Amino acid sequence: MKNRVRMIVVLVCVFVVLPVVGGLVYLSRISAEAAARYYAEAIAQGRFEDAMAMETDKASGSVEPENVDLRRGQIAVPSSVTSVSLVGVAQQDGSQAVRIGLNVNGYVTTRTISMRPDASRRGLLGAWKVTEGLATKYPLSMEGYASEVSVGGMTLGAVSEKGSDGTVIPLTVPTEGLWHRGSSSVVFVAYPGVYPVEVTTVGEGAEVLVDSSVGAQTIAFTQGLLNHRLEVPLDEETEAWQEEQFESLAVACVKGEKPEGVVCPGVEVSGVESVSFGGASREFGRLRSWGVNVETADERVLLNVINEVCFDDAGEAHTVLFLDESNRYRRKK
């Protein structure tokens, strides 16, 4: 009788274990998909800490010192998960590729992540780690007049510095206390999403353009390595004011006069009889005129003239002129 009982118990155990073993393989595939969905939903909803908790050190530690880590930032509006599907079968080590679709600000982006079983196996979701996640690099170029810029709640500082930007207007021009049009760039490490943008502009009437959208207060990161732009250009009224006075101010500076509100460089020509311009072109908010002809009784001087609008701390516009002598000839008598 005892032998029969043992035999029944052994047979029951065999029939119970076999489905469980087969089920573990099935459940591991389902759990990979479920874990990937949890990861994607966390990113879409801005729960970045939950997403990073699922990543391996390799997946979460790819931020270089010069990058801005927006995974520590905030989203403006949530995105939505459109699809989660396994790609192929698991590798020998259990690694599994999962394709994730996200709707970010109306744009559907599809990316593939990699996951592997977690040795600790703490529950269904904790049984998987993300080895290659959704965070990637997004470059942002900034140009214009802004004293403070922040993206996703992360402060980036000013686009331009007080005084010269060290490129077109040299440090020899005394412009301390004035904001120049500046340019800079930054690379974010971020998850796909819509992030808030806050800009403190310099000067009245300045508008903020985010990816050419006037007045935008958000930026959408969808495709990695796609260059984004933030611009704070001069308003039309200030540009018109700059163009109207371009030639008269240049002539005044050449003659050594000091017009009010204008920063003239140290270059001046004595005994000016005539000044002729060959037209001006606008580049990056600056007006330029090459080959300005200045004539005196004894010589002919060719100048390159750059006119830039700067702002003081009160937001009032000033003109900074840079005169570069390209050639000087003795006039024949």
C-alpha atoms as a PDB file:
ATOM      1  CA  MET A   1       0.000   0.000   0.000  1.00  0.00           C
ATOM      2  CA  LYS A   2       2.805   2.384   0.917  1.00  0.00           C
ATOM      3  CA  ASN A   3       4.610   1.654  -2.354  1.00  0.00           C
ATOM      4  CA  ARG A   4       1.454   2.499  -4.300  1.00  0.00           C
ATOM      5  CA  VAL A   5       1.127   5.835  -2.518  1.00  0.00           C
ATOM      6  CA  ARG A   6       4.735   6.720  -3.321  1.00  0.00           C
ATOM      7  CA  MET A   7       4.186   5.858  -6.954  1.00  0.00           C
ATOM      8  CA  ILE A   8       1.072   8.050  -7.182  1.00  0.00           C
ATOM      9  CA  VAL A   9       2.903  11.003  -5.571  1.00  0.00           C
ATOM     10  CA  VAL A  10       5.863  10.690  -7.924  1.00  0.00           C
ATOM     11  CA  LEU A  11       3.624  10.531 -10.996  1.00  0.00           C
ATOM     12  CA  VAL A  12       1.612  13.557  -9.867  1.00  0.00           C
ATOM     13  CA  CYS A  13       4.817  15.558  -9.297  1.00  0.00           C
ATOM     14  CA  VAL A  14       6.088  14.728 -12.770  1.00  0.00           C
ATOM     15  CA  PHE A  15       2.852  15.833 -14.432  1.00  0.00           C
ATOM     16  CA  VAL A  16       2.743  19.058 -12.369  1.00  0.00           C
ATOM     17  CA  VAL A  17       6.391  20.062 -12.896  1.00  0.00           C
ATOM     18  CA  LEU A  18       6.382  19.661 -16.664  1.00  0.00           C
ATOM     19  CA  PRO A  19       3.714  22.331 -17.311  1.00  0.00           C
ATOM     20  CA  VAL A  20       5.385  24.673 -14.818  1.00  0.00           C
ATOM     21  CA  VAL A  21       8.771  24.383 -16.536  1.00  0.00           C
ATOM     22  CA  GLY A  22       7.188  25.022 -19.913  1.00  0.00           C
ATOM     23  CA  GLY A  23       5.205  27.885 -18.427  1.00  0.00           C
ATOM     24  CA  LEU A  24       8.333  29.576 -17.087  1.00  0.00           C
ATOM     25  CA  VAL A  25       9.628  30.003 -20.624  1.00  0.00           C
ATOM     26  CA  TYR A  26       6.288  31.459 -21.714  1.00  0.00           C
ATOM     27  CA  LEU A  27       6.060  33.699 -18.656  1.00  0.00           C
ATOM     28  CA  SER A  28       9.602  34.972 -19.195  1.00  0.00           C
ATOM     29  CA  ARG A  29       8.614  36.222 -22.661  1.00  0.00           C
ATOM     30  CA  ILE A  30       5.445  37.829 -21.299  1.00  0.00           C
ATOM     31  CA  SER A  31       7.356  39.355 -18.399  1.00  0.00           C
ATOM     32  CA  ALA A  32       9.912  40.862 -20.778  1.00  0.00           C
ATOM     33  CA  GLU A  33       7.105  42.551 -22.688  1.00  0.00           C
ATOM     34  CA  ALA A  34       5.390  43.626 -19.459  1.00  0.00           C
ATOM     35  CA  ALA A  35       8.639  44.996 -18.057  1.00  0.00           C
ATOM     36  CA  ALA A  36       9.293  46.887 -21.304  1.00  0.00           C
ATOM     37  CA  ARG A  37       5.803  48.375 -21.185  1.00  0.00           C
ATOM     38  CA  TYR A  38       6.328  49.459 -17.587  1.00  0.00           C
ATOM     39  CA  TYR A  39       9.626  51.077 -18.612  1.00  0.00           C
ATOM     40  CA  ALA A  40       8.022  52.844 -21.587  1.00  0.00           C
ATOM     41  CA  GLU A  41       5.042  54.061 -19.554  1.00  0.00           C
ATOM     42  CA  ALA A  42       7.374  55.449 -16.887  1.00  0.00           C
ATOM     43  CA  ILE A  43       9.213  57.500 -19.523  1.00  0.00           C
ATOM     44  CA  ALA A  44       6.014  58.650 -21.235  1.00  0.00           C
ATOM     45  CA  GLN A  45       4.603  59.862 -17.918  1.00  0.00           C
ATOM     46  CA  GLY A  46       7.821  61.543 -16.799  1.00  0.00           C
ATOM     47  CA  ARG A  47       8.568  59.054 -14.023  1.00  0.00           C
ATOM     48  CA  PHE A  48      12.227  59.035 -14.973  1.00  0.00           C
ATOM     49  CA  GLU A  49      13.479  57.696 -11.622  1.00  0.00           C
ATOM     50  CA  ASP A  50      11.374  54.559 -12.099  1.00  0.00           C
ATOM     51  CA  ALA A  51      12.758  54.119 -15.616  1.00  0.00           C
ATOM     52  CA  MET A  52      16.361  54.618 -14.527  1.00  0.00           C
ATOM     53  CA  ALA A  53      15.877  52.101 -11.709  1.00  0.00           C
ATOM     54  CA  MET A  54      15.324  49.437 -14.376  1.00  0.00           C
ATOM     55  CA  GLU A  55      18.500  50.311 -16.289  1.00  0.00           C
ATOM     56  CA  THR A  56      21.898  48.753 -15.796  1.00  0.00           C
ATOM     57  CA  ASP A  57      24.820  50.986 -14.864  1.00  0.00           C
ATOM     58  CA  LYS A  58      25.991  50.794 -18.479  1.00  0.00           C
ATOM     59  CA  ALA A  59      22.628  51.956 -19.811  1.00  0.00           C
ATOM     60  CA  SER A  60      22.253  54.827 -17.339  1.00  0.00           C
ATOM     61  CA  GLY A  61      25.885  55.932 -17.069  1.00  0.00           C
ATOM     62  CA  SER A  62      26.544  57.172 -20.617  1.00  0.00           C
ATOM     63  CA  VAL A  63      26.427  60.884 -19.690  1.00  0.00           C
ATOM     64  CA  GLU A  64      29.630  62.765 -20.447  1.00  0.00           C
ATOM     65  CA  PRO A  65      30.680  65.677 -18.188  1.00  0.00           C
ATOM     66  CA  GLU A  66      29.832  68.301 -20.825  1.00  0.00           C
ATOM     67  CA  ASN A  67      26.326  66.885 -21.395  1.00  0.00           C
ATOM     68  CA  VAL A  68      23.178  67.996 -19.568  1.00  0.00           C
ATOM     69  CA  ASP A  69      21.324  65.041 -18.066  1.00  0.00           C
ATOM     70  CA  LEU A  70      17.630  65.738 -18.712  1.00  0.00           C
ATOM     71  CA  ARG A  71      16.708  62.424 -17.125  1.00  0.00           C
ATOM     72  CA  ARG A  72      16.906  64.470 -13.930  1.00  0.00           C
ATOM     73  CA  GLY A  73      14.545  67.047 -15.441  1.00  0.00           C
ATOM     74  CA  GLN A  74      10.806  67.430 -15.919  1.00  0.00           C
ATOM     75  CA  ILE A  75       8.430  67.006 -18.837  1.00  0.00           C
ATOM     76  CA  ALA A  76       5.871  69.599 -19.905  1.00  0.00           C
ATOM     77  CA  VAL A  77       3.179  67.171 -21.058  1.00  0.00           C
ATOM     78  CA  PRO A  78       3.042  63.359 -20.985  1.00  0.00           C
ATOM     79  CA  SER A  79       3.526  61.237 -24.082  1.00  0.00           C
ATOM     80  CA  SER A  80       1.754  57.961 -24.805  1.00  0.00           C
ATOM     81  CA  VAL A  81       2.908  54.424 -25.506  1.00  0.00           C
ATOM     82  CA  THR A  82       1.567  53.247 -28.861  1.00  0.00           C
ATOM     83  CA  SER A  83       3.112  49.773 -29.047  1.00  0.00           C
ATOM     84  CA  VAL A  84       5.345  47.275 -27.257  1.00  0.00           C
ATOM     85  CA  SER A  85       6.432  44.082 -29.015  1.00  0.00           C
ATOM     86  CA  LEU A  86       9.165  41.492 -28.692  1.00  0.00           C
ATOM     87  CA  VAL A  87      11.732  41.353 -31.493  1.00  0.00           C
ATOM     88  CA  GLY A  88      12.703  37.803 -32.411  1.00  0.00           C
ATOM     89  CA  VAL A  89      13.522  35.280 -29.730  1.00  0.00           C
ATOM     90  CA  ALA A  90      15.646  35.571 -26.622  1.00  0.00           C
ATOM     91  CA  GLN A  91      19.409  35.067 -26.926  1.00  0.00           C
ATOM     92  CA  GLN A  92      21.250  32.246 -25.162  1.00  0.00           C
ATOM     93  CA  ASP A  93      21.951  34.489 -22.176  1.00  0.00           C
ATOM     94  CA  GLY A  94      18.263  35.392 -21.981  1.00  0.00           C
ATOM     95  CA  SER A  95      18.663  38.871 -23.531  1.00  0.00           C
ATOM     96  CA  GLN A  96      15.604  40.088 -25.382  1.00  0.00           C
ATOM     97  CA  ALA A  97      15.102  42.964 -27.828  1.00  0.00           C
ATOM     98  CA  VAL A  98      11.832  44.887 -27.506  1.00  0.00           C
ATOM     99  CA  ARG A  99      10.441  47.440 -29.946  1.00  0.00           C
ATOM    100  CA  ILE A 100       8.667  50.402 -28.318  1.00  0.00           C
ATOM    101  CA  GLY A 101       6.468  52.991 -30.021  1.00  0.00           C
ATOM    102  CA  LEU A 102       5.855  56.404 -28.429  1.00  0.00           C
ATOM    103  CA  ASN A 103       3.627  59.276 -29.467  1.00  0.00           C
ATOM    104  CA  VAL A 104       5.540  62.430 -28.563  1.00  0.00           C
ATOM    105  CA  ASN A 105       3.642  65.641 -29.287  1.00  0.00           C
ATOM    106  CA  GLY A 106       1.852  64.009 -32.218  1.00  0.00           C
ATOM    107  CA  TYR A 107       5.006  62.448 -33.654  1.00  0.00           C
ATOM    108  CA  VAL A 108       5.233  58.652 -33.408  1.00  0.00           C
ATOM    109  CA  THR A 109       8.765  57.407 -32.862  1.00  0.00           C
ATOM    110  CA  THR A 110       9.751  53.741 -32.730  1.00  0.00           C
ATOM    111  CA  ARG A 111      12.858  52.580 -30.919  1.00  0.00           C
ATOM    112  CA  THR A 112      14.304  49.216 -29.895  1.00  0.00           C
ATOM    113  CA  ILE A 113      15.638  48.530 -26.417  1.00  0.00           C
ATOM    114  CA  SER A 114      17.542  45.526 -25.058  1.00  0.00           C
ATOM    115  CA  MET A 115      16.751  43.720 -21.829  1.00  0.00           C
ATOM    116  CA  ARG A 116      18.259  40.842 -19.903  1.00  0.00           C
ATOM    117  CA  PRO A 117      17.056  38.749 -16.975  1.00  0.00           C
ATOM    118  CA  ASP A 118      18.024  40.187 -13.605  1.00  0.00           C
ATOM    119  CA  ALA A 119      19.874  37.698 -11.416  1.00  0.00           C
ATOM    120  CA  SER A 120      18.058  39.005  -8.343  1.00  0.00           C
ATOM    121  CA  ARG A 121      14.668  38.215  -9.957  1.00  0.00           C
ATOM    122  CA  ARG A 122      12.692  40.398  -7.569  1.00  0.00           C
ATOM    123  CA  GLY A 123       9.197  39.812  -8.898  1.00  0.00           C
ATOM    124  CA  LEU A 124       7.840  39.960 -12.450  1.00  0.00           C
ATOM    125  CA  LEU A 125       9.038  43.458 -13.420  1.00  0.00           C
ATOM    126  CA  GLY A 126      12.186  43.323 -11.310  1.00  0.00           C
ATOM    127  CA  ALA A 127      13.232  40.158 -13.137  1.00  0.00           C
ATOM    128  CA  TRP A 128      14.442  42.255 -16.094  1.00  0.00           C
ATOM    129  CA  LYS A 129      17.065  44.942 -16.541  1.00  0.00           C
ATOM    130  CA  VAL A 130      17.330  47.381 -19.467  1.00  0.00           C
ATOM    131  CA  THR A 131      20.816  47.193 -20.981  1.00  0.00           C
ATOM    132  CA  GLU A 132      20.156  49.589 -23.881  1.00  0.00           C
ATOM    133  CA  GLY A 133      17.422  52.092 -23.097  1.00  0.00           C
ATOM    134  CA  LEU A 134      15.570  54.989 -24.677  1.00  0.00           C
ATOM    135  CA  ALA A 135      17.874  57.789 -23.516  1.00  0.00           C
ATOM    136  CA  THR A 136      19.938  59.332 -26.290  1.00  0.00           C
ATOM    137  CA  LYS A 137      21.707  62.604 -27.168  1.00  0.00           C
ATOM    138  CA  TYR A 138      19.880  65.663 -28.464  1.00  0.00           C
ATOM    139  CA  PRO A 139      21.973  68.702 -29.563  1.00  0.00           C
ATOM    140  CA  LEU A 140      20.593  72.222 -29.087  1.00  0.00           C
ATOM    141  CA  SER A 141      22.069  75.351 -30.699  1.00  0.00           C
ATOM    142  CA  MET A 142      21.204  78.688 -29.089  1.00  0.00           C
ATOM    143  CA  GLU A 143      21.614  82.155 -30.541  1.00  0.00           C
ATOM    144  CA  GLY A 144      20.418  85.633 -29.688  1.00  0.00           C
ATOM    145  CA  TYR A 145      19.790  87.817 -26.675  1.00  0.00           C
ATOM    146  CA  ALA A 146      18.958  85.825 -23.556  1.00  0.00           C
ATOM    147  CA  SER A 147      20.224  86.232 -20.010  1.00  0.00           C
ATOM    148  CA  GLU A 148      18.800  82.931 -18.787  1.00  0.00           C
ATOM    149  CA  VAL A 149      17.687  79.707 -20.474  1.00  0.00           C
ATOM    150  CA  SER A 150      16.320  76.554 -18.884  1.00  0.00           C
ATOM    151  CA  VAL A 151      15.062  73.326 -20.463  1.00  0.00           C
ATOM    152  CA  GLY A 152      13.182  70.715 -18.495  1.00  0.00           C
ATOM    153  CA  GLY A 153      13.850  72.691 -15.332  1.00  0.00           C
ATOM    154  CA  MET A 154      17.624  72.461 -15.891  1.00  0.00           C
ATOM    155  CA  THR A 155      19.347  75.869 -15.938  1.00  0.00           C
ATOM    156  CA  LEU A 156      21.712  76.459 -18.857  1.00  0.00           C
ATOM    157  CA  GLY A 157      22.702  80.049 -18.063  1.00  0.00           C
ATOM    158  CA  ALA A 158      22.937  82.886 -20.583  1.00  0.00           C
ATOM    159  CA  VAL A 159      23.203  82.591 -24.353  1.00  0.00           C
ATOM    160  CA  SER A 160      25.403  85.692 -24.420  1.00  0.00           C
ATOM    161  CA  GLU A 161      27.771  87.105 -21.846  1.00  0.00           C
ATOM    162  CA  LYS A 162      28.110  90.688 -20.715  1.00  0.00           C
ATOM    163  CA  GLY A 163      30.680  92.488 -22.791  1.00  0.00           C
ATOM    164  CA  SER A 164      32.136  91.010 -25.979  1.00  0.00           C
ATOM    165  CA  ASP A 165      31.301  87.516 -27.180  1.00  0.00           C
ATOM    166  CA  GLY A 166      34.916  87.234 -28.298  1.00  0.00           C
ATOM    167  CA  THR A 167      34.130  86.464 -31.929  1.00  0.00           C
ATOM    168  CA  VAL A 168      33.020  89.308 -34.192  1.00  0.00           C
ATOM    169  CA  ILE A 169      33.284  92.207 -31.759  1.00  0.00           C
ATOM    170  CA  PRO A 170      36.783  92.040 -30.239  1.00  0.00           C
ATOM    171  CA  LEU A 171      37.602  92.667 -26.617  1.00  0.00           C
ATOM    172  CA  THR A 172      39.331  95.929 -27.543  1.00  0.00           C
ATOM    173  CA  VAL A 173      35.915  97.526 -28.035  1.00  0.00           C
ATOM    174  CA  PRO A 174      34.816  98.934 -24.646  1.00  0.00           C
ATOM    175  CA  THR A 175      31.373  97.326 -24.239  1.00  0.00           C
ATOM    176  CA  GLU A 176      31.342  96.421 -20.572  1.00  0.00           C
ATOM    177  CA  GLY A 177      27.811  96.280 -19.207  1.00  0.00           C
ATOM    178  CA  LEU A 178      26.193  95.549 -22.579  1.00  0.00           C
ATOM    179  CA  TRP A 179      24.593  92.307 -23.701  1.00  0.00           C
ATOM    180  CA  HIS A 180      25.783  91.143 -27.114  1.00  0.00           C
ATOM    181  CA  ARG A 181      24.013  88.723 -29.383  1.00  0.00           C
ATOM    182  CA  GLY A 182      25.693  85.468 -28.475  1.00  0.00           C
ATOM    183  CA  SER A 183      25.703  81.852 -29.557  1.00  0.00           C
ATOM    184  CA  SER A 184      26.307  78.626 -27.704  1.00  0.00           C
ATOM    185  CA  SER A 185      25.344  74.972 -27.839  1.00  0.00           C
ATOM    186  CA  VAL A 186      24.571  72.143 -25.500  1.00  0.00           C
ATOM    187  CA  VAL A 187      23.991  68.392 -25.814  1.00  0.00           C
ATOM    188  CA  PHE A 188      21.269  66.804 -23.711  1.00  0.00           C
ATOM    189  CA  VAL A 189      21.042  63.179 -22.697  1.00  0.00           C
ATOM    190  CA  ALA A 190      17.290  62.704 -22.529  1.00  0.00           C
ATOM    191  CA  TYR A 191      14.389  60.344 -22.968  1.00  0.00           C
ATOM    192  CA  PRO A 192      11.935  61.085 -25.794  1.00  0.00           C
ATOM    193  CA  GLY A 193       9.422  63.638 -24.575  1.00  0.00           C
ATOM    194  CA  VAL A 194       8.166  67.208 -24.485  1.00  0.00           C
ATOM    195  CA  TYR A 195      10.141  69.456 -22.134  1.00  0.00           C
ATOM    196  CA  PRO A 196       9.372  72.991 -20.904  1.00  0.00           C
ATOM    197  CA  VAL A 197      11.541  75.867 -22.140  1.00  0.00           C
ATOM    198  CA  GLU A 198      11.935  79.102 -20.179  1.00  0.00           C
ATOM    199  CA  VAL A 199      13.887  82.072 -21.566  1.00  0.00           C
ATOM    200  CA  THR A 200      14.631  85.433 -19.989  1.00  0.00           C
ATOM    201  CA  THR A 201      15.148  87.765 -22.931  1.00  0.00           C
ATOM    202  CA  VAL A 202      17.287  90.902 -23.086  1.00  0.00           C
ATOM    203  CA  GLY A 203      15.650  93.942 -24.686  1.00  0.00           C
ATOM    204  CA  GLU A 204      12.024  94.836 -25.251  1.00  0.00           C
ATOM    205  CA  GLY A 205       9.935  93.088 -27.876  1.00  0.00           C
ATOM    206  CA  ALA A 206      12.277  90.123 -28.267  1.00  0.00           C
ATOM    207  CA  GLU A 207      10.571  86.892 -29.319  1.00  0.00           C
ATOM    208  CA  VAL A 208      11.675  83.345 -28.585  1.00  0.00           C
ATOM    209  CA  LEU A 209      11.785  80.794 -31.414  1.00  0.00           C
ATOM    210  CA  VAL A 210      12.087  77.100 -30.586  1.00  0.00           C
ATOM    211  CA  ASP A 211      12.720  75.034 -33.703  1.00  0.00           C
ATOM    212  CA  SER A 212      11.379  77.988 -35.755  1.00  0.00           C
ATOM    213  CA  SER A 213       8.127  78.084 -33.762  1.00  0.00           C
ATOM    214  CA  VAL A 214       7.535  81.653 -32.541  1.00  0.00           C
ATOM    215  CA  GLY A 215       6.632  81.951 -28.874  1.00  0.00           C
ATOM    216  CA  ALA A 216       7.016  78.225 -28.201  1.00  0.00           C
ATOM    217  CA  GLN A 217       7.390  77.266 -24.552  1.00  0.00           C
ATOM    218  CA  THR A 218       8.253  73.609 -25.088  1.00  0.00           C
ATOM    219  CA  ILE A 219      10.692  71.512 -27.081  1.00  0.00           C
ATOM    220  CA  ALA A 220       9.985  67.976 -28.323  1.00  0.00           C
ATOM    221  CA  PHE A 221      12.831  65.464 -28.395  1.00  0.00           C
ATOM    222  CA  THR A 222      12.001  62.551 -30.669  1.00  0.00           C
ATOM    223  CA  GLN A 223      14.916  61.650 -32.955  1.00  0.00           C
ATOM    224  CA  GLY A 224      18.409  61.474 -31.514  1.00  0.00           C
ATOM    225  CA  LEU A 225      21.189  63.614 -33.050  1.00  0.00           C
ATOM    226  CA  LEU A 226      18.615  65.844 -34.790  1.00  0.00           C
ATOM    227  CA  ASN A 227      19.890  69.376 -34.171  1.00  0.00           C
ATOM    228  CA  HIS A 228      17.402  71.648 -32.410  1.00  0.00           C
ATOM    229  CA  ARG A 229      17.525  75.456 -32.338  1.00  0.00           C
ATOM    230  CA  LEU A 230      16.566  78.143 -29.862  1.00  0.00           C
ATOM    231  CA  GLU A 231      16.732  81.734 -31.136  1.00  0.00           C
ATOM    232  CA  VAL A 232      16.084  85.140 -29.592  1.00  0.00           C
ATOM    233  CA  PRO A 233      16.539  87.536 -32.545  1.00  0.00           C
ATOM    234  CA  LEU A 234      16.045  91.287 -32.757  1.00  0.00           C
ATOM    235  CA  ASP A 235      12.456  92.367 -33.272  1.00  0.00           C
ATOM    236  CA  GLU A 236      11.523  94.055 -36.563  1.00  0.00           C
ATOM    237  CA  GLU A 237      11.346  97.538 -35.055  1.00  0.00           C
ATOM    238  CA  THR A 238      14.862  97.311 -33.645  1.00  0.00           C
ATOM    239  CA  GLU A 239      16.210  95.920 -36.933  1.00  0.00           C
ATOM    240  CA  ALA A 240      14.660  98.824 -38.821  1.00  0.00           C
ATOM    241  CA  TRP A 241      16.181 101.302 -36.334  1.00  0.00           C
ATOM    242  CA  GLN A 242      19.573  99.644 -36.809  1.00  0.00           C
ATOM    243  CA  GLU A 243      19.382  99.854 -40.604  1.00  0.00           C
ATOM    244  CA  GLU A 244      18.203 103.478 -40.676  1.00  0.00           C
ATOM    245  CA  GLN A 245      21.170 104.777 -38.702  1.00  0.00           C
ATOM    246  CA  PHE A 246      23.828 102.373 -39.982  1.00  0.00           C
ATOM    247  CA  GLU A 247      25.595 104.713 -42.426  1.00  0.00           C
ATOM    248  CA  SER A 248      25.264 107.936 -40.421  1.00  0.00           C
ATOM    249  CA  LEU A 249      26.689 106.374 -37.268  1.00  0.00           C
ATOM    250  CA  ALA A 250      29.563 104.778 -39.191  1.00  0.00           C
ATOM    251  CA  VAL A 251      30.464 108.147 -40.715  1.00  0.00           C
ATOM    252  CA  ALA A 252      30.321 109.823 -37.292  1.00  0.00           C
ATOM    253  CA  CYS A 253      32.645 107.207 -35.810  1.00  0.00           C
ATOM    254  CA  VAL A 254      35.063 107.481 -38.748  1.00  0.00           C
ATOM    255  CA  LYS A 255      35.265 111.250 -38.188  1.00  0.00           C
ATOM    256  CA  GLY A 256      36.009 110.714 -34.512  1.00  0.00           C
ATOM    257  CA  GLU A 257      32.632 111.928 -33.246  1.00  0.00           C
ATOM    258  CA  LYS A 258      30.948 110.238 -30.297  1.00  0.00           C
ATOM    259  CA  PRO A 259      27.210 109.867 -30.965  1.00  0.00           C
ATOM    260  CA  GLU A 260      25.093 109.299 -27.870  1.00  0.00           C
ATOM    261  CA  GLY A 261      24.359 105.647 -27.112  1.00  0.00           C
ATOM    262  CA  VAL A 262      26.988 104.443 -29.594  1.00  0.00           C
ATOM    263  CA  VAL A 263      30.221 102.605 -28.855  1.00  0.00           C
ATOM    264  CA  CYS A 264      32.841 103.650 -31.433  1.00  0.00           C
ATOM    265  CA  PRO A 265      36.175 101.839 -31.809  1.00  0.00           C
ATOM    266  CA  GLY A 266      39.538 103.562 -31.713  1.00  0.00           C
ATOM    267  CA  VAL A 267      39.856 103.763 -35.506  1.00  0.00           C
ATOM    268  CA  GLU A 268      39.266 107.220 -36.941  1.00  0.00           C
ATOM    269  CA  VAL A 269      40.358 109.143 -40.008  1.00  0.00           C
ATOM    270  CA  SER A 270      41.333 112.845 -39.946  1.00  0.00           C
ATOM    271  CA  GLY A 271      40.098 115.328 -42.525  1.00  0.00           C
ATOM    272  CA  VAL A 272      37.330 113.165 -43.998  1.00  0.00           C
ATOM    273  CA  GLU A 273      35.909 114.626 -47.206  1.00  0.00           C
ATOM    274  CA  SER A 274      33.584 111.799 -48.278  1.00  0.00           C
ATOM    275  CA  VAL A 275      32.407 108.342 -47.236  1.00  0.00           C
ATOM    276  CA  SER A 276      30.729 105.927 -49.674  1.00  0.00           C
ATOM    277  CA  PHE A 277      29.116 102.581 -48.867  1.00  0.00           C
ATOM    278  CA  GLY A 278      28.681  99.607 -51.130  1.00  0.00           C
ATOM    279  CA  GLY A 279      25.587  98.360 -49.332  1.00  0.00           C
ATOM    280  CA  ALA A 280      25.116  96.341 -46.166  1.00  0.00           C
ATOM    281  CA  SER A 281      24.246  92.725 -45.504  1.00  0.00           C
ATOM    282  CA  ARG A 282      22.674  91.206 -42.411  1.00  0.00           C
ATOM    283  CA  GLU A 283      24.418  88.236 -40.852  1.00  0.00           C
ATOM    284  CA  PHE A 284      23.392  86.761 -37.515  1.00  0.00           C
ATOM    285  CA  GLY A 285      21.751  89.983 -36.371  1.00  0.00           C
ATOM    286  CA  ARG A 286      24.686  92.167 -37.371  1.00  0.00           C
ATOM    287  CA  LEU A 287      24.954  94.553 -40.281  1.00  0.00           C
ATOM    288  CA  ARG A 288      28.168  94.360 -42.290  1.00  0.00           C
ATOM    289  CA  SER A 289      29.549  96.517 -45.084  1.00  0.00           C
ATOM    290  CA  TRP A 290      32.803  95.558 -46.785  1.00  0.00           C
ATOM    291  CA  GLY A 291      34.992  98.041 -48.637  1.00  0.00           C
ATOM    292  CA  VAL A 292      33.595 101.304 -47.280  1.00  0.00           C
ATOM    293  CA  ASN A 293      35.517 104.025 -49.135  1.00  0.00           C
ATOM    294  CA  VAL A 294      36.756 106.948 -47.015  1.00  0.00           C
ATOM    295  CA  GLU A 295      38.526 109.815 -48.794  1.00  0.00           C
ATOM    296  CA  THR A 296      40.561 112.669 -47.365  1.00  0.00           C
ATOM    297  CA  ALA A 297      42.616 115.335 -49.130  1.00  0.00           C
ATOM    298  CA  ASP A 298      45.711 113.115 -49.017  1.00  0.00           C
ATOM    299  CA  GLU A 299      44.577 109.502 -48.940  1.00  0.00           C
ATOM    300  CA  ARG A 300      41.915 106.892 -49.610  1.00  0.00           C
ATOM    301  CA  VAL A 301      41.077 104.405 -46.849  1.00  0.00           C
ATOM    302  CA  LEU A 302      39.066 101.193 -47.262  1.00  0.00           C
ATOM    303  CA  LEU A 303      37.205 100.021 -44.163  1.00  0.00           C
ATOM    304  CA  ASN A 304      35.100  97.033 -43.194  1.00  0.00           C
ATOM    305  CA  VAL A 305      32.239  98.113 -40.942  1.00  0.00           C
ATOM    306  CA  ILE A 306      30.277  95.913 -38.522  1.00  0.00           C
ATOM    307  CA  ASN A 307      27.244  97.258 -36.681  1.00  0.00           C
ATOM    308  CA  GLU A 308      25.797  95.293 -33.788  1.00  0.00           C
ATOM    309  CA  VAL A 309      22.887  96.077 -31.483  1.00  0.00           C
ATOM    310  CA  CYS A 310      23.523  95.509 -27.791  1.00  0.00           C
ATOM    311  CA  PHE A 311      21.332  96.040 -24.742  1.00  0.00           C
ATOM    312  CA  ASP A 312      22.050  97.439 -21.314  1.00  0.00           C
ATOM    313  CA  ASP A 313      20.613  95.991 -18.105  1.00  0.00           C
ATOM    314  CA  ALA A 314      17.556  98.230 -18.458  1.00  0.00           C
ATOM    315  CA  GLY A 315      16.787  96.731 -21.895  1.00  0.00           C
ATOM    316  CA  GLU A 316      17.702  99.876 -23.834  1.00  0.00           C
ATOM    317  CA  ALA A 317      19.297  99.316 -27.249  1.00  0.00           C
ATOM    318  CA  HIS A 318      22.779 100.618 -28.063  1.00  0.00           C
ATOM    319  CA  THR A 319      24.885 100.401 -31.203  1.00  0.00           C
ATOM    320  CA  VAL A 320      28.399  98.987 -31.191  1.00  0.00           C
ATOM    321  CA  LEU A 321      30.526  99.661 -34.257  1.00  0.00           C
ATOM    322  CA  PHE A 322      33.678  97.870 -35.287  1.00  0.00           C
ATOM    323  CA  LEU A 323      35.846  99.418 -38.016  1.00  0.00           C
ATOM    324  CA  ASP A 324      38.558  97.340 -39.616  1.00  0.00           C
ATOM    325  CA  GLU A 325      41.012  99.046 -41.962  1.00  0.00           C
ATOM    326  CA  SER A 326      41.654  96.806 -44.980  1.00  0.00           C
ATOM    327  CA  ASN A 327      43.739  99.157 -47.133  1.00  0.00           C
ATOM    328  CA  ARG A 328      45.136 102.703 -47.287  1.00  0.00           C
ATOM    329  CA  TYR A 329      46.347 104.507 -50.435  1.00  0.00           C
ATOM    330  CA  ARG A 330      48.018 107.865 -51.053  1.00  0.00           C
ATOM    331  CA  ARG A 331      45.941 109.987 -53.406  1.00  0.00           C
ATOM    332  CA  LYS A 332      47.667 111.302 -56.526  1.00  0.00           C
ATOM    333  CA  LYS A 333      47.644 115.061 -56.864  1.00  0.00           C
END
